[in-house]
Amino acid sequence: MELNATAETENGCMMTFVVESGLGSDISKASYQMVFFNGGGLVERMTVLDFQDVPAGRTRVRQFNIGGAACSSLSRVLVNDVATCESDDLSEDACIVSLAASSRSDIELSN
């Protein structure tokens, strides 16, 4: 999972994520509990982001608007836990155990 870009919008911070499944199996539904930290390192909010399906060997781009939060006020996003990981071939914890997080924006993405 890569935080690829951020953009200020009228409603908040639009975040663009690039996700790939390197697990060799399709994921029919993946959602993650995300924690957003402000510049002072304090938790700004927690929410679940639904990344929908992530087919094996394919790249997906997903965008989320974090309402009421300016991108410039956020310093870090933590992938805190998996909320949903549905696959015919994988255990639920596969979506978090094998997760590699990175960022190309000024906001850090970690797990």
PDB file of N, CA and C in Angstrom:
ATOM      1  N   MET A   1       0.854  -1.172   0.000  1.00  0.00           N
ATOM      2  CA  MET A   1       0.000   0.000   0.000  1.00  0.00           C
ATOM      3  C   MET A   1       0.897   1.231   0.000  1.00  0.00           C
ATOM      4  N   GLU A   2       0.617   2.116  -0.955  1.00  0.00           N
ATOM      5  CA  GLU A   2       1.397   3.343  -1.067  1.00  0.00           C
ATOM      6  C   GLU A   2       0.461   4.543  -1.008  1.00  0.00           C
ATOM      7  N   LEU A   3       0.782   5.506  -0.162  1.00  0.00           N
ATOM      8  CA  LEU A   3       0.115   6.800  -0.200  1.00  0.00           C
ATOM      9  C   LEU A   3       0.816   7.564  -1.306  1.00  0.00           C
ATOM     10  N   ASN A   4       0.163   7.651  -2.449  1.00  0.00           N
ATOM     11  CA  ASN A   4       0.795   8.160  -3.652  1.00  0.00           C
ATOM     12  C   ASN A   4       0.727   9.669  -3.773  1.00  0.00           C
ATOM     13  N   ALA A   5      -0.419  10.268  -3.374  1.00  0.00           N
ATOM     14  CA  ALA A   5      -0.584  11.714  -3.534  1.00  0.00           C
ATOM     15  C   ALA A   5      -1.646  12.218  -2.565  1.00  0.00           C
ATOM     16  N   THR A   6      -1.554  13.508  -2.266  1.00  0.00           N
ATOM     17  CA  THR A   6      -2.575  14.180  -1.468  1.00  0.00           C
ATOM     18  C   THR A   6      -2.921  15.492  -2.151  1.00  0.00           C
ATOM     19  N   ALA A   7      -4.154  15.948  -1.951  1.00  0.00           N
ATOM     20  CA  ALA A   7      -4.587  17.218  -2.525  1.00  0.00           C
ATOM     21  C   ALA A   7      -5.626  17.849  -1.618  1.00  0.00           C
ATOM     22  N   GLU A   8      -5.479  19.146  -1.404  1.00  0.00           N
ATOM     23  CA  GLU A   8      -6.471  19.888  -0.623  1.00  0.00           C
ATOM     24  C   GLU A   8      -7.750  20.023  -1.448  1.00  0.00           C
ATOM     25  N   THR A   9      -8.900  19.800  -0.826  1.00  0.00           N
ATOM     26  CA  THR A   9     -10.189  20.007  -1.475  1.00  0.00           C
ATOM     27  C   THR A   9     -11.034  20.907  -0.578  1.00  0.00           C
ATOM     28  N   GLU A  10     -12.180  21.313  -1.071  1.00  0.00           N
ATOM     29  CA  GLU A  10     -13.085  22.130  -0.262  1.00  0.00           C
ATOM     30  C   GLU A  10     -13.539  21.386   0.989  1.00  0.00           C
ATOM     31  N   ASN A  11     -13.598  20.058   0.903  1.00  0.00           N
ATOM     32  CA  ASN A  11     -14.131  19.247   2.001  1.00  0.00           C
ATOM     33  C   ASN A  11     -13.072  18.614   2.882  1.00  0.00           C
ATOM     34  N   GLY A  12     -11.806  18.744   2.521  1.00  0.00           N
ATOM     35  CA  GLY A  12     -10.764  18.118   3.330  1.00  0.00           C
ATOM     36  C   GLY A  12      -9.574  17.701   2.496  1.00  0.00           C
ATOM     37  N   CYS A  13      -8.938  16.626   2.902  1.00  0.00           N
ATOM     38  CA  CYS A  13      -7.727  16.134   2.246  1.00  0.00           C
ATOM     39  C   CYS A  13      -8.067  14.916   1.400  1.00  0.00           C
ATOM     40  N   MET A  14      -7.851  15.022   0.097  1.00  0.00           N
ATOM     41  CA  MET A  14      -8.038  13.886  -0.806  1.00  0.00           C
ATOM     42  C   MET A  14      -6.739  13.101  -0.842  1.00  0.00           C
ATOM     43  N   MET A  15      -6.824  11.821  -0.481  1.00  0.00           N
ATOM     44  CA  MET A  15      -5.646  10.957  -0.472  1.00  0.00           C
ATOM     45  C   MET A  15      -5.801   9.898  -1.555  1.00  0.00           C
ATOM     46  N   THR A  16      -4.732   9.715  -2.320  1.00  0.00           N
ATOM     47  CA  THR A  16      -4.717   8.711  -3.373  1.00  0.00           C
ATOM     48  C   THR A  16      -3.763   7.600  -2.965  1.00  0.00           C
ATOM     49  N   PHE A  17      -4.290   6.386  -2.915  1.00  0.00           N
ATOM     50  CA  PHE A  17      -3.516   5.202  -2.535  1.00  0.00           C
ATOM     51  C   PHE A  17      -3.373   4.278  -3.740  1.00  0.00           C
ATOM     52  N   VAL A  18      -2.210   3.660  -3.843  1.00  0.00           N
ATOM     53  CA  VAL A  18      -1.967   2.614  -4.833  1.00  0.00           C
ATOM     54  C   VAL A  18      -1.788   1.323  -4.052  1.00  0.00           C
ATOM     55  N   VAL A  19      -2.572   0.303  -4.401  1.00  0.00           N
ATOM     56  CA  VAL A  19      -2.498  -0.978  -3.688  1.00  0.00           C
ATOM     57  C   VAL A  19      -2.288  -2.123  -4.677  1.00  0.00           C
ATOM     58  N   GLU A  20      -1.526  -3.093  -4.225  1.00  0.00           N
ATOM     59  CA  GLU A  20      -1.276  -4.307  -4.997  1.00  0.00           C
ATOM     60  C   GLU A  20      -1.301  -5.490  -4.047  1.00  0.00           C
ATOM     61  N   SER A  21      -1.809  -6.613  -4.540  1.00  0.00           N
ATOM     62  CA  SER A  21      -1.751  -7.838  -3.757  1.00  0.00           C
ATOM     63  C   SER A  21      -0.627  -8.701  -4.297  1.00  0.00           C
ATOM     64  N   GLY A  22       0.373  -8.905  -3.486  1.00  0.00           N
ATOM     65  CA  GLY A  22       1.463  -9.794  -3.847  1.00  0.00           C
ATOM     66  C   GLY A  22       1.297 -11.155  -3.200  1.00  0.00           C
ATOM     67  N   LEU A  23       0.066 -11.463  -2.776  1.00  0.00           N
ATOM     68  CA  LEU A  23      -0.183 -12.691  -2.028  1.00  0.00           C
ATOM     69  C   LEU A  23      -0.516 -13.882  -2.920  1.00  0.00           C
ATOM     70  N   GLY A  24      -0.698 -13.645  -4.220  1.00  0.00           N
ATOM     71  CA  GLY A  24      -1.009 -14.740  -5.133  1.00  0.00           C
ATOM     72  C   GLY A  24      -2.466 -15.144  -5.145  1.00  0.00           C
ATOM     73  N   SER A  25      -3.295 -14.437  -4.401  1.00  0.00           N
ATOM     74  CA  SER A  25      -4.728 -14.732  -4.354  1.00  0.00           C
ATOM     75  C   SER A  25      -5.511 -13.429  -4.433  1.00  0.00           C
ATOM     76  N   ASP A  26      -6.681 -13.517  -5.045  1.00  0.00           N
ATOM     77  CA  ASP A  26      -7.558 -12.350  -5.101  1.00  0.00           C
ATOM     78  C   ASP A  26      -8.102 -12.033  -3.715  1.00  0.00           C
ATOM     79  N   ILE A  27      -8.203 -10.755  -3.440  1.00  0.00           N
ATOM     80  CA  ILE A  27      -8.878 -10.292  -2.225  1.00  0.00           C
ATOM     81  C   ILE A  27     -10.168  -9.645  -2.690  1.00  0.00           C
ATOM     82  N   SER A  28     -11.296 -10.202  -2.282  1.00  0.00           N
ATOM     83  CA  SER A  28     -12.588  -9.695  -2.759  1.00  0.00           C
ATOM     84  C   SER A  28     -13.019  -8.440  -2.007  1.00  0.00           C
ATOM     85  N   LYS A  29     -12.517  -8.259  -0.790  1.00  0.00           N
ATOM     86  CA  LYS A  29     -12.840  -7.062  -0.017  1.00  0.00           C
ATOM     87  C   LYS A  29     -11.740  -6.831   1.011  1.00  0.00           C
ATOM     88  N   ALA A  30     -11.189  -5.618   0.979  1.00  0.00           N
ATOM     89  CA  ALA A  30     -10.152  -5.250   1.945  1.00  0.00           C
ATOM     90  C   ALA A  30     -10.470  -3.866   2.498  1.00  0.00           C
ATOM     91  N   SER A  31     -10.535  -3.769   3.805  1.00  0.00           N
ATOM     92  CA  SER A  31     -10.702  -2.465   4.450  1.00  0.00           C
ATOM     93  C   SER A  31      -9.790  -2.424   5.673  1.00  0.00           C
ATOM     94  N   TYR A  32      -9.302  -1.209   5.944  1.00  0.00           N
ATOM     95  CA  TYR A  32      -8.304  -1.027   6.990  1.00  0.00           C
ATOM     96  C   TYR A  32      -8.706   0.081   7.945  1.00  0.00           C
ATOM     97  N   GLN A  33      -8.410  -0.126   9.233  1.00  0.00           N
ATOM     98  CA  GLN A  33      -8.589   0.926  10.238  1.00  0.00           C
ATOM     99  C   GLN A  33      -7.362   1.834  10.156  1.00  0.00           C
ATOM    100  N   MET A  34      -7.603   3.094   9.854  1.00  0.00           N
ATOM    101  CA  MET A  34      -6.524   4.060   9.668  1.00  0.00           C
ATOM    102  C   MET A  34      -6.574   5.111  10.773  1.00  0.00           C
ATOM    103  N   VAL A  35      -5.403   5.508  11.246  1.00  0.00           N
ATOM    104  CA  VAL A  35      -5.288   6.546  12.272  1.00  0.00           C
ATOM    105  C   VAL A  35      -4.501   7.708  11.667  1.00  0.00           C
ATOM    106  N   PHE A  36      -5.065   8.907  11.768  1.00  0.00           N
ATOM    107  CA  PHE A  36      -4.465  10.111  11.209  1.00  0.00           C
ATOM    108  C   PHE A  36      -3.898  10.962  12.339  1.00  0.00           C
ATOM    109  N   PHE A  37      -2.618  11.331  12.216  1.00  0.00           N
ATOM    110  CA  PHE A  37      -1.923  12.117  13.232  1.00  0.00           C
ATOM    111  C   PHE A  37      -1.692  13.531  12.707  1.00  0.00           C
ATOM    112  N   ASN A  38      -1.829  14.508  13.596  1.00  0.00           N
ATOM    113  CA  ASN A  38      -1.554  15.895  13.204  1.00  0.00           C
ATOM    114  C   ASN A  38      -0.054  16.164  13.310  1.00  0.00           C
ATOM    115  N   GLY A  39       0.352  17.394  13.004  1.00  0.00           N
ATOM    116  CA  GLY A  39       1.760  17.770  13.020  1.00  0.00           C
ATOM    117  C   GLY A  39       2.418  17.643  14.377  1.00  0.00           C
ATOM    118  N   GLY A  40       1.621  17.700  15.450  1.00  0.00           N
ATOM    119  CA  GLY A  40       2.151  17.552  16.799  1.00  0.00           C
ATOM    120  C   GLY A  40       2.229  16.107  17.256  1.00  0.00           C
ATOM    121  N   GLY A  41       1.868  15.171  16.371  1.00  0.00           N
ATOM    122  CA  GLY A  41       1.917  13.754  16.711  1.00  0.00           C
ATOM    123  C   GLY A  41       0.696  13.252  17.460  1.00  0.00           C
ATOM    124  N   LEU A  42      -0.337  14.098  17.584  1.00  0.00           N
ATOM    125  CA  LEU A  42      -1.566  13.695  18.273  1.00  0.00           C
ATOM    126  C   LEU A  42      -2.543  13.071  17.289  1.00  0.00           C
ATOM    127  N   VAL A  43      -3.325  12.115  17.774  1.00  0.00           N
ATOM    128  CA  VAL A  43      -4.330  11.473  16.929  1.00  0.00           C
ATOM    129  C   VAL A  43      -5.395  12.502  16.568  1.00  0.00           C
ATOM    130  N   GLU A  44      -5.568  12.688  15.276  1.00  0.00           N
ATOM    131  CA  GLU A  44      -6.572  13.608  14.746  1.00  0.00           C
ATOM    132  C   GLU A  44      -7.915  12.898  14.595  1.00  0.00           C
ATOM    133  N   ARG A  45      -7.854  11.647  14.089  1.00  0.00           N
ATOM    134  CA  ARG A  45      -9.061  10.838  13.921  1.00  0.00           C
ATOM    135  C   ARG A  45      -8.698   9.410  13.557  1.00  0.00           C
ATOM    136  N   MET A  46      -9.695   8.538  13.715  1.00  0.00           N
ATOM    137  CA  MET A  46      -9.596   7.145  13.283  1.00  0.00           C
ATOM    138  C   MET A  46     -10.797   6.861  12.403  1.00  0.00           C
ATOM    139  N   THR A  47     -10.557   6.086  11.342  1.00  0.00           N
ATOM    140  CA  THR A  47     -11.659   5.710  10.464  1.00  0.00           C
ATOM    141  C   THR A  47     -11.284   4.436   9.718  1.00  0.00           C
ATOM    142  N   VAL A  48     -12.262   3.823   9.086  1.00  0.00           N
ATOM    143  CA  VAL A  48     -12.024   2.641   8.263  1.00  0.00           C
ATOM    144  C   VAL A  48     -12.135   3.057   6.800  1.00  0.00           C
ATOM    145  N   LEU A  49     -11.118   2.711   6.020  1.00  0.00           N
ATOM    146  CA  LEU A  49     -11.127   2.978   4.586  1.00  0.00           C
ATOM    147  C   LEU A  49     -11.334   1.662   3.845  1.00  0.00           C
ATOM    148  N   ASP A  50     -12.294   1.652   2.937  1.00  0.00           N
ATOM    149  CA  ASP A  50     -12.658   0.462   2.170  1.00  0.00           C
ATOM    150  C   ASP A  50     -11.931   0.474   0.828  1.00  0.00           C
ATOM    151  N   PHE A  51     -10.970  -0.409   0.665  1.00  0.00           N
ATOM    152  CA  PHE A  51     -10.199  -0.499  -0.565  1.00  0.00           C
ATOM    153  C   PHE A  51     -10.853  -1.423  -1.593  1.00  0.00           C
ATOM    154  N   GLN A  52     -12.002  -1.976  -1.266  1.00  0.00           N
ATOM    155  CA  GLN A  52     -12.784  -2.828  -2.165  1.00  0.00           C
ATOM    156  C   GLN A  52     -11.996  -4.069  -2.551  1.00  0.00           C
ATOM    157  N   ASP A  53     -12.035  -4.451  -3.817  1.00  0.00           N
ATOM    158  CA  ASP A  53     -11.341  -5.659  -4.255  1.00  0.00           C
ATOM    159  C   ASP A  53      -9.901  -5.338  -4.655  1.00  0.00           C
ATOM    160  N   VAL A  54      -9.031  -6.322  -4.432  1.00  0.00           N
ATOM    161  CA  VAL A  54      -7.625  -6.204  -4.836  1.00  0.00           C
ATOM    162  C   VAL A  54      -7.250  -7.531  -5.503  1.00  0.00           C
ATOM    163  N   PRO A  55      -7.398  -7.602  -6.820  1.00  0.00           N
ATOM    164  CA  PRO A  55      -7.079  -8.845  -7.528  1.00  0.00           C
ATOM    165  C   PRO A  55      -5.580  -9.162  -7.476  1.00  0.00           C
ATOM    166  N   ALA A  56      -5.270 -10.432  -7.447  1.00  0.00           N
ATOM    167  CA  ALA A  56      -3.872 -10.866  -7.423  1.00  0.00           C
ATOM    168  C   ALA A  56      -3.154 -10.374  -8.667  1.00  0.00           C
ATOM    169  N   GLY A  57      -1.949  -9.826  -8.476  1.00  0.00           N
ATOM    170  CA  GLY A  57      -1.125  -9.403  -9.587  1.00  0.00           C
ATOM    171  C   GLY A  57      -1.584  -8.145 -10.296  1.00  0.00           C
ATOM    172  N   ARG A  58      -2.565  -7.446  -9.744  1.00  0.00           N
ATOM    173  CA  ARG A  58      -3.089  -6.229 -10.369  1.00  0.00           C
ATOM    174  C   ARG A  58      -2.873  -5.036  -9.452  1.00  0.00           C
ATOM    175  N   THR A  59      -2.773  -3.876 -10.028  1.00  0.00           N
ATOM    176  CA  THR A  59      -2.639  -2.639  -9.269  1.00  0.00           C
ATOM    177  C   THR A  59      -3.985  -1.935  -9.253  1.00  0.00           C
ATOM    178  N   ARG A  60      -4.362  -1.428  -8.087  1.00  0.00           N
ATOM    179  CA  ARG A  60      -5.599  -0.658  -7.943  1.00  0.00           C
ATOM    180  C   ARG A  60      -5.257   0.704  -7.349  1.00  0.00           C
ATOM    181  N   VAL A  61      -5.970   1.738  -7.807  1.00  0.00           N
ATOM    182  CA  VAL A  61      -5.827   3.084  -7.261  1.00  0.00           C
ATOM    183  C   VAL A  61      -7.140   3.435  -6.592  1.00  0.00           C
ATOM    184  N   ARG A  62      -7.061   3.882  -5.349  1.00  0.00           N
ATOM    185  CA  ARG A  62      -8.256   4.248  -4.587  1.00  0.00           C
ATOM    186  C   ARG A  62      -8.056   5.641  -4.002  1.00  0.00           C
ATOM    187  N   GLN A  63      -9.118   6.440  -4.040  1.00  0.00           N
ATOM    188  CA  GLN A  63      -9.072   7.783  -3.469  1.00  0.00           C
ATOM    189  C   GLN A  63     -10.082   7.900  -2.343  1.00  0.00           C
ATOM    190  N   PHE A  64      -9.671   8.616  -1.302  1.00  0.00           N
ATOM    191  CA  PHE A  64     -10.519   8.858  -0.145  1.00  0.00           C
ATOM    192  C   PHE A  64     -10.413  10.322   0.245  1.00  0.00           C
ATOM    193  N   ASN A  65     -11.554  10.946   0.497  1.00  0.00           N
ATOM    194  CA  ASN A  65     -11.552  12.312   0.994  1.00  0.00           C
ATOM    195  C   ASN A  65     -11.673  12.257   2.518  1.00  0.00           C
ATOM    196  N   ILE A  66     -10.683  12.781   3.204  1.00  0.00           N
ATOM    197  CA  ILE A  66     -10.693  12.818   4.666  1.00  0.00           C
ATOM    198  C   ILE A  66     -11.323  14.158   5.047  1.00  0.00           C
ATOM    199  N   GLY A  67     -12.628  14.130   5.218  1.00  0.00           N
ATOM    200  CA  GLY A  67     -13.410  15.343   5.432  1.00  0.00           C
ATOM    201  C   GLY A  67     -12.989  16.127   6.665  1.00  0.00           C
ATOM    202  N   GLY A  68     -12.893  17.441   6.486  1.00  0.00           N
ATOM    203  CA  GLY A  68     -12.587  18.327   7.596  1.00  0.00           C
ATOM    204  C   GLY A  68     -11.134  18.345   8.022  1.00  0.00           C
ATOM    205  N   ALA A  69     -10.274  17.636   7.314  1.00  0.00           N
ATOM    206  CA  ALA A  69      -8.846  17.603   7.661  1.00  0.00           C
ATOM    207  C   ALA A  69      -8.047  18.198   6.512  1.00  0.00           C
ATOM    208  N   ALA A  70      -7.267  19.207   6.793  1.00  0.00           N
ATOM    209  CA  ALA A  70      -6.373  19.773   5.784  1.00  0.00           C
ATOM    210  C   ALA A  70      -5.147  18.870   5.658  1.00  0.00           C
ATOM    211  N   CYS A  71      -4.724  18.607   4.434  1.00  0.00           N
ATOM    212  CA  CYS A  71      -3.527  17.786   4.227  1.00  0.00           C
ATOM    213  C   CYS A  71      -2.324  18.372   4.963  1.00  0.00           C
ATOM    214  N   SER A  72      -2.228  19.680   4.961  1.00  0.00           N
ATOM    215  CA  SER A  72      -1.085  20.344   5.594  1.00  0.00           C
ATOM    216  C   SER A  72      -1.055  20.162   7.109  1.00  0.00           C
ATOM    217  N   SER A  73      -2.179  19.765   7.698  1.00  0.00           N
ATOM    218  CA  SER A  73      -2.210  19.564   9.152  1.00  0.00           C
ATOM    219  C   SER A  73      -1.890  18.118   9.543  1.00  0.00           C
ATOM    220  N   LEU A  74      -1.797  17.223   8.569  1.00  0.00           N
ATOM    221  CA  LEU A  74      -1.538  15.810   8.847  1.00  0.00           C
ATOM    222  C   LEU A  74      -0.063  15.488   8.636  1.00  0.00           C
ATOM    223  N   SER A  75       0.498  14.700   9.554  1.00  0.00           N
ATOM    224  CA  SER A  75       1.906  14.325   9.441  1.00  0.00           C
ATOM    225  C   SER A  75       2.098  12.846   9.159  1.00  0.00           C
ATOM    226  N   ARG A  76       1.122  12.042   9.566  1.00  0.00           N
ATOM    227  CA  ARG A  76       1.310  10.592   9.479  1.00  0.00           C
ATOM    228  C   ARG A  76      -0.037   9.895   9.429  1.00  0.00           C
ATOM    229  N   VAL A  77      -0.062   8.782   8.680  1.00  0.00           N
ATOM    230  CA  VAL A  77      -1.217   7.892   8.659  1.00  0.00           C
ATOM    231  C   VAL A  77      -0.708   6.512   9.065  1.00  0.00           C
ATOM    232  N   LEU A  78      -1.349   5.930  10.052  1.00  0.00           N
ATOM    233  CA  LEU A  78      -0.988   4.600  10.538  1.00  0.00           C
ATOM    234  C   LEU A  78      -2.054   3.606  10.095  1.00  0.00           C
ATOM    235  N   VAL A  79      -1.623   2.527   9.440  1.00  0.00           N
ATOM    236  CA  VAL A  79      -2.525   1.413   9.159  1.00  0.00           C
ATOM    237  C   VAL A  79      -2.563   0.610  10.447  1.00  0.00           C
ATOM    238  N   ASN A  80      -3.605   0.859  11.242  1.00  0.00           N
ATOM    239  CA  ASN A  80      -3.677   0.325  12.598  1.00  0.00           C
ATOM    240  C   ASN A  80      -4.056  -1.149  12.640  1.00  0.00           C
ATOM    241  N   ASP A  81      -4.983  -1.533  11.761  1.00  0.00           N
ATOM    242  CA  ASP A  81      -5.471  -2.913  11.776  1.00  0.00           C
ATOM    243  C   ASP A  81      -6.261  -3.175  10.511  1.00  0.00           C
ATOM    244  N   VAL A  82      -6.494  -4.426  10.226  1.00  0.00           N
ATOM    245  CA  VAL A  82      -7.375  -4.802   9.126  1.00  0.00           C
ATOM    246  C   VAL A  82      -8.796  -4.879   9.677  1.00  0.00           C
ATOM    247  N   ALA A  83      -9.728  -4.257   9.003  1.00  0.00           N
ATOM    248  CA  ALA A  83     -11.134  -4.340   9.405  1.00  0.00           C
ATOM    249  C   ALA A  83     -11.814  -5.485   8.673  1.00  0.00           C
ATOM    250  N   THR A  84     -11.478  -5.657   7.394  1.00  0.00           N
ATOM    251  CA  THR A  84     -12.047  -6.731   6.575  1.00  0.00           C
ATOM    252  C   THR A  84     -10.985  -7.237   5.617  1.00  0.00           C
ATOM    253  N   CYS A  85     -10.879  -8.545   5.505  1.00  0.00           N
ATOM    254  CA  CYS A  85     -10.006  -9.171   4.513  1.00  0.00           C
ATOM    255  C   CYS A  85     -10.708 -10.440   4.060  1.00  0.00           C
ATOM    256  N   GLU A  86     -11.383 -10.338   2.921  1.00  0.00           N
ATOM    257  CA  GLU A  86     -12.137 -11.487   2.420  1.00  0.00           C
ATOM    258  C   GLU A  86     -11.459 -12.061   1.189  1.00  0.00           C
ATOM    259  N   SER A  87     -11.166 -13.355   1.273  1.00  0.00           N
ATOM    260  CA  SER A  87     -10.533 -14.076   0.175  1.00  0.00           C
ATOM    261  C   SER A  87     -10.871 -15.547   0.321  1.00  0.00           C
ATOM    262  N   ASP A  88     -10.982 -16.241  -0.791  1.00  0.00           N
ATOM    263  CA  ASP A  88     -11.246 -17.679  -0.734  1.00  0.00           C
ATOM    264  C   ASP A  88     -10.032 -18.463  -0.262  1.00  0.00           C
ATOM    265  N   ASP A  89      -8.843 -17.876  -0.417  1.00  0.00           N
ATOM    266  CA  ASP A  89      -7.613 -18.621  -0.168  1.00  0.00           C
ATOM    267  C   ASP A  89      -6.749 -18.107   0.985  1.00  0.00           C
ATOM    268  N   LEU A  90      -7.123 -16.962   1.568  1.00  0.00           N
ATOM    269  CA  LEU A  90      -6.254 -16.339   2.567  1.00  0.00           C
ATOM    270  C   LEU A  90      -6.948 -16.221   3.919  1.00  0.00           C
ATOM    271  N   SER A  91      -6.150 -16.231   4.977  1.00  0.00           N
ATOM    272  CA  SER A  91      -6.695 -15.975   6.303  1.00  0.00           C
ATOM    273  C   SER A  91      -6.928 -14.476   6.452  1.00  0.00           C
ATOM    274  N   GLU A  92      -7.764 -14.066   7.384  1.00  0.00           N
ATOM    275  CA  GLU A  92      -8.078 -12.646   7.559  1.00  0.00           C
ATOM    276  C   GLU A  92      -6.848 -11.825   7.920  1.00  0.00           C
ATOM    277  N   ASP A  93      -5.921 -12.403   8.669  1.00  0.00           N
ATOM    278  CA  ASP A  93      -4.741 -11.635   9.065  1.00  0.00           C
ATOM    279  C   ASP A  93      -3.713 -11.483   7.940  1.00  0.00           C
ATOM    280  N   ALA A  94      -3.882 -12.174   6.824  1.00  0.00           N
ATOM    281  CA  ALA A  94      -2.939 -12.059   5.703  1.00  0.00           C
ATOM    282  C   ALA A  94      -2.869 -10.629   5.179  1.00  0.00           C
ATOM    283  N   CYS A  95      -3.968  -9.909   5.234  1.00  0.00           N
ATOM    284  CA  CYS A  95      -4.005  -8.537   4.711  1.00  0.00           C
ATOM    285  C   CYS A  95      -3.233  -7.548   5.571  1.00  0.00           C
ATOM    286  N   ILE A  96      -2.960  -7.886   6.813  1.00  0.00           N
ATOM    287  CA  ILE A  96      -2.193  -6.986   7.679  1.00  0.00           C
ATOM    288  C   ILE A  96      -0.770  -7.505   7.899  1.00  0.00           C
ATOM    289  N   VAL A  97      -0.619  -8.805   8.031  1.00  0.00           N
ATOM    290  CA  VAL A  97       0.696  -9.391   8.308  1.00  0.00           C
ATOM    291  C   VAL A  97       1.662  -9.127   7.165  1.00  0.00           C
ATOM    292  N   SER A  98       1.176  -9.211   5.937  1.00  0.00           N
ATOM    293  CA  SER A  98       2.047  -9.052   4.774  1.00  0.00           C
ATOM    294  C   SER A  98       2.049  -7.634   4.207  1.00  0.00           C
ATOM    295  N   LEU A  99       1.395  -6.695   4.882  1.00  0.00           N
ATOM    296  CA  LEU A  99       1.276  -5.334   4.373  1.00  0.00           C
ATOM    297  C   LEU A  99       2.605  -4.588   4.438  1.00  0.00           C
ATOM    298  N   ALA A 100       2.984  -3.994   3.319  1.00  0.00           N
ATOM    299  CA  ALA A 100       4.149  -3.101   3.256  1.00  0.00           C
ATOM    300  C   ALA A 100       3.619  -1.718   2.923  1.00  0.00           C
ATOM    301  N   ALA A 101       3.888  -0.753   3.784  1.00  0.00           N
ATOM    302  CA  ALA A 101       3.372   0.607   3.620  1.00  0.00           C
ATOM    303  C   ALA A 101       4.496   1.551   3.227  1.00  0.00           C
ATOM    304  N   SER A 102       4.174   2.483   2.308  1.00  0.00           N
ATOM    305  CA  SER A 102       5.139   3.497   1.896  1.00  0.00           C
ATOM    306  C   SER A 102       4.386   4.749   1.477  1.00  0.00           C
ATOM    307  N   SER A 103       5.118   5.839   1.305  1.00  0.00           N
ATOM    308  CA  SER A 103       4.487   7.095   0.925  1.00  0.00           C
ATOM    309  C   SER A 103       5.373   7.874  -0.043  1.00  0.00           C
ATOM    310  N   ARG A 104       4.732   8.501  -1.009  1.00  0.00           N
ATOM    311  CA  ARG A 104       5.412   9.421  -1.927  1.00  0.00           C
ATOM    312  C   ARG A 104       5.011  10.865  -1.616  1.00  0.00           C
ATOM    313  N   SER A 105       4.206  11.042  -0.589  1.00  0.00           N
ATOM    314  CA  SER A 105       3.746  12.384  -0.230  1.00  0.00           C
ATOM    315  C   SER A 105       4.505  12.873   1.000  1.00  0.00           C
ATOM    316  N   ASP A 106       4.184  14.067   1.444  1.00  0.00           N
ATOM    317  CA  ASP A 106       4.797  14.616   2.653  1.00  0.00           C
ATOM    318  C   ASP A 106       4.238  13.978   3.907  1.00  0.00           C
ATOM    319  N   ILE A 107       3.153  13.224   3.762  1.00  0.00           N
ATOM    320  CA  ILE A 107       2.528  12.542   4.896  1.00  0.00           C
ATOM    321  C   ILE A 107       3.056  11.117   4.937  1.00  0.00           C
ATOM    322  N   GLU A 108       3.616  10.713   6.053  1.00  0.00           N
ATOM    323  CA  GLU A 108       4.167   9.359   6.217  1.00  0.00           C
ATOM    324  C   GLU A 108       3.028   8.344   6.289  1.00  0.00           C
ATOM    325  N   LEU A 109       3.216   7.172   5.701  1.00  0.00           N
ATOM    326  CA  LEU A 109       2.296   6.043   5.841  1.00  0.00           C
ATOM    327  C   LEU A 109       3.076   4.897   6.460  1.00  0.00           C
ATOM    328  N   SER A 110       2.569   4.368   7.577  1.00  0.00           N
ATOM    329  CA  SER A 110       3.279   3.295   8.272  1.00  0.00           C
ATOM    330  C   SER A 110       2.288   2.248   8.767  1.00  0.00           C
ATOM    331  N   ASN A 111       2.843   1.109   9.147  1.00  0.00           N
ATOM    332  CA  ASN A 111       2.045   0.027   9.747  1.00  0.00           C
ATOM    333  C   ASN A 111       2.816  -0.616  10.864  1.00  0.00           C
TER     334      ASN A 111
END
